[in-house]
Amino acid sequence: MPPRSRADDAPPVFTRAVASLRAQAVRPEIVLENIPAPQRLAPYSAAFSASVHANGDEDAAFGRLIVLYDPDGTRDWPGPFRVVAYVSAELEPDMSGDPLLGQVAWSWLTDALESGPAGHHTLSGTVTRATTEGFGRKAEEPTTTELEMRASWTPTEEDDLSAHMAAWLDLLSTAAGLPPVDVSDISRRGRQDS
């Protein structure tokens, strides 16, 4: 079946789910945007991108969240909805060699999903680290390590996916090194007080 791209013919359950994603509160360090959704992955889809700006305008993390909906159940995932998340963040150099980095990064996602009411099942994904070293004319450039996570899961809710958006935003914040929302950044506060 070809993808249906017209928003006005979307089933009400999908329309409500997308509206719940857009209604989620976003912390001020995160810029969230609607982006074109992939058209071939499911009959209905919605997509968002986010950039985390920490320490001024520096992009500390970037991500995408895609919600797929197949009311006929013709896809390989269990249930009509599937949430697909992508996160990319530059890490501190001392973290690049940590053999547990993948497990720690994956725990950021599982903690974010489990700390709120984001009921889910069939969670799967990958964590990739890439270290970039400069040579020749680029030998003076600092070594950087980038972490990428790709994950997908099936939400147990259908009408309200706001907790899934909140979990993804929390994952982005953690990957960017932002403190939790209810914890103030002492180092930043000290600079403001001086």
C-alpha atoms as a PDB file:
ATOM      1  CA  MET A   1       0.000   0.000   0.000  1.00  0.00           C
ATOM      2  CA  PRO A   2       1.463   3.411  -0.905  1.00  0.00           C
ATOM      3  CA  PRO A   3       2.028   5.864   1.938  1.00  0.00           C
ATOM      4  CA  ARG A   4      -0.762   8.320   2.661  1.00  0.00           C
ATOM      5  CA  SER A   5       0.721  11.756   3.085  1.00  0.00           C
ATOM      6  CA  ARG A   6      -2.318  13.985   3.474  1.00  0.00           C
ATOM      7  CA  ALA A   7      -2.688  15.113   7.079  1.00  0.00           C
ATOM      8  CA  ASP A   8      -6.430  15.726   6.718  1.00  0.00           C
ATOM      9  CA  ASP A   9      -7.163  12.048   6.075  1.00  0.00           C
ATOM     10  CA  ALA A  10      -5.158  10.779   9.058  1.00  0.00           C
ATOM     11  CA  PRO A  11      -7.101   8.660  11.540  1.00  0.00           C
ATOM     12  CA  PRO A  12      -8.128  10.517  14.728  1.00  0.00           C
ATOM     13  CA  VAL A  13      -5.910   8.311  16.927  1.00  0.00           C
ATOM     14  CA  PHE A  14      -2.841   9.363  14.921  1.00  0.00           C
ATOM     15  CA  THR A  15      -3.898  13.027  14.925  1.00  0.00           C
ATOM     16  CA  ARG A  16      -4.316  12.949  18.730  1.00  0.00           C
ATOM     17  CA  ALA A  17      -0.961  11.203  19.186  1.00  0.00           C
ATOM     18  CA  VAL A  18       0.876  13.827  17.100  1.00  0.00           C
ATOM     19  CA  ALA A  19      -0.912  16.659  18.924  1.00  0.00           C
ATOM     20  CA  SER A  20       0.233  15.181  22.251  1.00  0.00           C
ATOM     21  CA  LEU A  21       3.852  15.214  21.007  1.00  0.00           C
ATOM     22  CA  ARG A  22       3.602  18.878  20.053  1.00  0.00           C
ATOM     23  CA  ALA A  23       2.106  19.773  23.441  1.00  0.00           C
ATOM     24  CA  GLN A  24       5.126  18.529  25.418  1.00  0.00           C
ATOM     25  CA  ALA A  25       7.016  21.225  27.344  1.00  0.00           C
ATOM     26  CA  VAL A  26      10.562  21.815  26.086  1.00  0.00           C
ATOM     27  CA  ARG A  27      13.425  23.190  28.183  1.00  0.00           C
ATOM     28  CA  PRO A  28      14.935  26.481  26.965  1.00  0.00           C
ATOM     29  CA  GLU A  29      18.257  24.925  25.873  1.00  0.00           C
ATOM     30  CA  ILE A  30      16.455  22.767  23.286  1.00  0.00           C
ATOM     31  CA  VAL A  31      15.225  23.985  19.909  1.00  0.00           C
ATOM     32  CA  LEU A  32      12.486  21.641  18.648  1.00  0.00           C
ATOM     33  CA  GLU A  33      11.204  21.693  15.072  1.00  0.00           C
ATOM     34  CA  ASN A  34       8.742  19.776  12.939  1.00  0.00           C
ATOM     35  CA  ILE A  35      10.543  18.213   9.982  1.00  0.00           C
ATOM     36  CA  PRO A  36       9.295  16.280   6.955  1.00  0.00           C
ATOM     37  CA  ALA A  37       8.487  12.725   7.969  1.00  0.00           C
ATOM     38  CA  PRO A  38       9.689   9.703   6.010  1.00  0.00           C
ATOM     39  CA  GLN A  39       6.930   8.622   3.646  1.00  0.00           C
ATOM     40  CA  ARG A  40       7.804   4.977   2.979  1.00  0.00           C
ATOM     41  CA  LEU A  41       8.170   3.583   6.491  1.00  0.00           C
ATOM     42  CA  ALA A  42       4.472   3.624   7.389  1.00  0.00           C
ATOM     43  CA  PRO A  43       1.155   4.867   6.021  1.00  0.00           C
ATOM     44  CA  TYR A  44       1.251   7.762   8.519  1.00  0.00           C
ATOM     45  CA  SER A  45       4.258   9.396  10.162  1.00  0.00           C
ATOM     46  CA  ALA A  46       5.375  12.541  11.962  1.00  0.00           C
ATOM     47  CA  ALA A  47       8.915  13.717  12.647  1.00  0.00           C
ATOM     48  CA  PHE A  48      10.735  16.202  14.849  1.00  0.00           C
ATOM     49  CA  SER A  49      14.322  17.361  15.156  1.00  0.00           C
ATOM     50  CA  ALA A  50      15.967  18.932  18.172  1.00  0.00           C
ATOM     51  CA  SER A  51      19.243  20.692  18.869  1.00  0.00           C
ATOM     52  CA  VAL A  52      20.554  21.186  22.384  1.00  0.00           C
ATOM     53  CA  HIS A  53      22.395  24.469  22.858  1.00  0.00           C
ATOM     54  CA  ALA A  54      24.651  24.422  25.889  1.00  0.00           C
ATOM     55  CA  ASN A  55      27.380  26.922  26.743  1.00  0.00           C
ATOM     56  CA  GLY A  56      26.083  29.632  24.467  1.00  0.00           C
ATOM     57  CA  ASP A  57      25.190  28.637  20.932  1.00  0.00           C
ATOM     58  CA  GLU A  58      27.261  25.467  20.785  1.00  0.00           C
ATOM     59  CA  ASP A  59      25.329  22.404  19.571  1.00  0.00           C
ATOM     60  CA  ALA A  60      25.922  19.900  22.346  1.00  0.00           C
ATOM     61  CA  ALA A  61      23.540  17.276  20.935  1.00  0.00           C
ATOM     62  CA  PHE A  62      21.221  16.731  18.012  1.00  0.00           C
ATOM     63  CA  GLY A  63      18.399  14.287  17.498  1.00  0.00           C
ATOM     64  CA  ARG A  64      15.336  13.195  15.567  1.00  0.00           C
ATOM     65  CA  LEU A  65      12.135  11.553  16.745  1.00  0.00           C
ATOM     66  CA  ILE A  66       9.829   9.821  14.286  1.00  0.00           C
ATOM     67  CA  VAL A  67       6.422   8.375  15.070  1.00  0.00           C
ATOM     68  CA  LEU A  68       5.147   5.758  12.649  1.00  0.00           C
ATOM     69  CA  TYR A  69       1.546   4.581  12.473  1.00  0.00           C
ATOM     70  CA  ASP A  70       0.231   1.596  10.537  1.00  0.00           C
ATOM     71  CA  PRO A  71      -3.443   1.000  11.375  1.00  0.00           C
ATOM     72  CA  ASP A  72      -3.499  -2.191   9.271  1.00  0.00           C
ATOM     73  CA  GLY A  73      -0.563  -3.797  11.082  1.00  0.00           C
ATOM     74  CA  THR A  74       1.365  -4.627   7.910  1.00  0.00           C
ATOM     75  CA  ARG A  75       4.774  -3.676   9.334  1.00  0.00           C
ATOM     76  CA  ASP A  76       7.231  -5.831  11.279  1.00  0.00           C
ATOM     77  CA  TRP A  77       6.656  -4.137  14.624  1.00  0.00           C
ATOM     78  CA  PRO A  78       4.073  -5.239  17.205  1.00  0.00           C
ATOM     79  CA  GLY A  79       1.237  -2.729  17.446  1.00  0.00           C
ATOM     80  CA  PRO A  80       0.065   0.099  15.207  1.00  0.00           C
ATOM     81  CA  PHE A  81       2.599   2.693  16.487  1.00  0.00           C
ATOM     82  CA  ARG A  82       6.396   2.641  16.507  1.00  0.00           C
ATOM     83  CA  VAL A  83       8.646   5.368  17.910  1.00  0.00           C
ATOM     84  CA  VAL A  84      12.077   5.784  16.309  1.00  0.00           C
ATOM     85  CA  ALA A  85      14.699   7.931  18.034  1.00  0.00           C
ATOM     86  CA  TYR A  86      18.132   9.159  16.989  1.00  0.00           C
ATOM     87  CA  VAL A  87      20.606  11.073  19.158  1.00  0.00           C
ATOM     88  CA  SER A  88      24.077  12.356  18.323  1.00  0.00           C
ATOM     89  CA  ALA A  89      26.362  14.077  20.837  1.00  0.00           C
ATOM     90  CA  GLU A  90      30.009  14.979  21.142  1.00  0.00           C
ATOM     91  CA  LEU A  91      31.567  13.461  24.255  1.00  0.00           C
ATOM     92  CA  GLU A  92      34.374  14.501  26.541  1.00  0.00           C
ATOM     93  CA  PRO A  93      37.691  12.979  25.336  1.00  0.00           C
ATOM     94  CA  ASP A  94      38.196  11.013  28.555  1.00  0.00           C
ATOM     95  CA  MET A  95      34.956   9.095  27.905  1.00  0.00           C
ATOM     96  CA  SER A  96      35.997   7.835  24.457  1.00  0.00           C
ATOM     97  CA  GLY A  97      37.976   4.852  25.747  1.00  0.00           C
ATOM     98  CA  ASP A  98      35.472   3.744  28.373  1.00  0.00           C
ATOM     99  CA  PRO A  99      34.543   0.126  27.550  1.00  0.00           C
ATOM    100  CA  LEU A 100      31.153   0.636  29.215  1.00  0.00           C
ATOM    101  CA  LEU A 101      30.231   3.713  27.161  1.00  0.00           C
ATOM    102  CA  GLY A 102      27.635   1.873  25.075  1.00  0.00           C
ATOM    103  CA  GLN A 103      25.956   0.366  28.130  1.00  0.00           C
ATOM    104  CA  VAL A 104      25.961   3.700  29.947  1.00  0.00           C
ATOM    105  CA  ALA A 105      24.486   5.533  26.945  1.00  0.00           C
ATOM    106  CA  TRP A 106      21.818   2.846  26.535  1.00  0.00           C
ATOM    107  CA  SER A 107      20.933   3.245  30.225  1.00  0.00           C
ATOM    108  CA  TRP A 108      20.275   6.949  29.550  1.00  0.00           C
ATOM    109  CA  LEU A 109      17.484   5.851  27.211  1.00  0.00           C
ATOM    110  CA  THR A 110      16.057   3.129  29.442  1.00  0.00           C
ATOM    111  CA  ASP A 111      16.150   5.443  32.465  1.00  0.00           C
ATOM    112  CA  ALA A 112      14.372   8.184  30.490  1.00  0.00           C
ATOM    113  CA  LEU A 113      11.665   5.770  29.351  1.00  0.00           C
ATOM    114  CA  GLU A 114      11.202   4.236  32.795  1.00  0.00           C
ATOM    115  CA  SER A 115      11.302   7.459  34.838  1.00  0.00           C
ATOM    116  CA  GLY A 116       8.021   8.668  33.354  1.00  0.00           C
ATOM    117  CA  PRO A 117       4.809   7.053  32.201  1.00  0.00           C
ATOM    118  CA  ALA A 118       6.233   6.105  28.767  1.00  0.00           C
ATOM    119  CA  GLY A 119       4.858   2.570  28.640  1.00  0.00           C
ATOM    120  CA  HIS A 120       6.662   0.608  25.962  1.00  0.00           C
ATOM    121  CA  HIS A 121       7.802  -2.797  24.768  1.00  0.00           C
ATOM    122  CA  THR A 122      10.041  -4.306  22.088  1.00  0.00           C
ATOM    123  CA  LEU A 123      12.831  -1.779  22.659  1.00  0.00           C
ATOM    124  CA  SER A 124      15.823  -2.235  20.371  1.00  0.00           C
ATOM    125  CA  GLY A 125      18.700  -0.177  19.068  1.00  0.00           C
ATOM    126  CA  THR A 126      22.388   0.502  18.728  1.00  0.00           C
ATOM    127  CA  VAL A 127      25.010   2.784  20.273  1.00  0.00           C
ATOM    128  CA  THR A 128      27.973   3.795  18.117  1.00  0.00           C
ATOM    129  CA  ARG A 129      31.055   5.769  19.072  1.00  0.00           C
ATOM    130  CA  ALA A 130      33.294   7.400  16.501  1.00  0.00           C
ATOM    131  CA  THR A 131      36.643   8.959  17.368  1.00  0.00           C
ATOM    132  CA  THR A 132      38.107  11.497  14.959  1.00  0.00           C
ATOM    133  CA  GLU A 133      41.858  12.187  15.014  1.00  0.00           C
ATOM    134  CA  GLY A 134      43.636  14.763  12.866  1.00  0.00           C
ATOM    135  CA  PHE A 135      46.819  14.047  10.885  1.00  0.00           C
ATOM    136  CA  GLY A 136      49.045  16.058   8.580  1.00  0.00           C
ATOM    137  CA  ARG A 137      47.713  19.594   8.333  1.00  0.00           C
ATOM    138  CA  LYS A 138      44.947  18.655  10.760  1.00  0.00           C
ATOM    139  CA  ALA A 139      47.283  17.214  13.390  1.00  0.00           C
ATOM    140  CA  GLU A 140      46.748  20.225  15.656  1.00  0.00           C
ATOM    141  CA  GLU A 141      42.989  19.734  15.771  1.00  0.00           C
ATOM    142  CA  PRO A 142      41.734  18.129  18.972  1.00  0.00           C
ATOM    143  CA  THR A 143      40.590  14.535  18.961  1.00  0.00           C
ATOM    144  CA  THR A 144      36.812  14.287  19.195  1.00  0.00           C
ATOM    145  CA  THR A 145      34.474  11.458  20.073  1.00  0.00           C
ATOM    146  CA  GLU A 146      30.901  11.387  18.888  1.00  0.00           C
ATOM    147  CA  LEU A 147      28.214   9.115  20.250  1.00  0.00           C
ATOM    148  CA  GLU A 148      25.261   8.079  18.120  1.00  0.00           C
ATOM    149  CA  MET A 149      22.230   6.176  19.343  1.00  0.00           C
ATOM    150  CA  ARG A 150      19.473   4.723  17.220  1.00  0.00           C
ATOM    151  CA  ALA A 151      16.539   3.118  18.973  1.00  0.00           C
ATOM    152  CA  SER A 152      12.941   2.160  18.426  1.00  0.00           C
ATOM    153  CA  TRP A 153      10.131   0.900  20.604  1.00  0.00           C
ATOM    154  CA  THR A 154       6.412   0.263  20.561  1.00  0.00           C
ATOM    155  CA  PRO A 155       4.387   2.509  22.878  1.00  0.00           C
ATOM    156  CA  THR A 156       1.667   0.858  24.932  1.00  0.00           C
ATOM    157  CA  GLU A 157      -0.426   4.050  24.775  1.00  0.00           C
ATOM    158  CA  GLU A 158      -1.945   5.258  21.541  1.00  0.00           C
ATOM    159  CA  ASP A 159      -3.710   8.584  22.069  1.00  0.00           C
ATOM    160  CA  ASP A 160      -1.097  10.303  24.227  1.00  0.00           C
ATOM    161  CA  LEU A 161       2.571   9.932  23.315  1.00  0.00           C
ATOM    162  CA  SER A 162       3.760  12.987  25.274  1.00  0.00           C
ATOM    163  CA  ALA A 163       5.707  10.794  27.729  1.00  0.00           C
ATOM    164  CA  HIS A 164       7.685   9.380  24.796  1.00  0.00           C
ATOM    165  CA  MET A 165       8.575  12.876  23.601  1.00  0.00           C
ATOM    166  CA  ALA A 166       9.575  13.746  27.186  1.00  0.00           C
ATOM    167  CA  ALA A 167      11.806  10.641  27.379  1.00  0.00           C
ATOM    168  CA  TRP A 168      13.527  11.532  24.089  1.00  0.00           C
ATOM    169  CA  LEU A 169      14.081  15.131  25.227  1.00  0.00           C
ATOM    170  CA  ASP A 170      15.476  13.826  28.525  1.00  0.00           C
ATOM    171  CA  LEU A 171      17.830  11.510  26.615  1.00  0.00           C
ATOM    172  CA  LEU A 172      19.020  14.448  24.493  1.00  0.00           C
ATOM    173  CA  SER A 173      19.600  16.556  27.605  1.00  0.00           C
ATOM    174  CA  THR A 174      21.614  13.795  29.276  1.00  0.00           C
ATOM    175  CA  ALA A 175      23.702  13.180  26.156  1.00  0.00           C
ATOM    176  CA  ALA A 176      24.410  16.931  25.956  1.00  0.00           C
ATOM    177  CA  GLY A 177      25.546  16.997  29.593  1.00  0.00           C
ATOM    178  CA  LEU A 178      22.743  19.257  30.835  1.00  0.00           C
ATOM    179  CA  PRO A 179      21.825  18.954  34.499  1.00  0.00           C
ATOM    180  CA  PRO A 180      18.360  17.569  35.300  1.00  0.00           C
ATOM    181  CA  VAL A 181      15.626  20.217  35.151  1.00  0.00           C
ATOM    182  CA  ASP A 182      15.179  20.277  38.926  1.00  0.00           C
ATOM    183  CA  VAL A 183      18.937  20.714  39.607  1.00  0.00           C
ATOM    184  CA  SER A 184      20.582  24.112  39.204  1.00  0.00           C
ATOM    185  CA  ASP A 185      23.960  24.379  37.504  1.00  0.00           C
ATOM    186  CA  ILE A 186      26.248  25.630  40.299  1.00  0.00           C
ATOM    187  CA  SER A 187      29.142  26.493  37.963  1.00  0.00           C
ATOM    188  CA  ARG A 188      26.917  28.711  35.812  1.00  0.00           C
ATOM    189  CA  ARG A 189      25.299  30.275  38.858  1.00  0.00           C
ATOM    190  CA  GLY A 190      28.685  31.136  40.368  1.00  0.00           C
ATOM    191  CA  ARG A 191      29.710  32.972  37.175  1.00  0.00           C
ATOM    192  CA  GLN A 192      26.490  34.991  37.245  1.00  0.00           C
ATOM    193  CA  ASP A 193      26.944  35.969  40.901  1.00  0.00           C
ATOM    194  CA  SER A 194      30.483  37.282  40.406  1.00  0.00           C
END
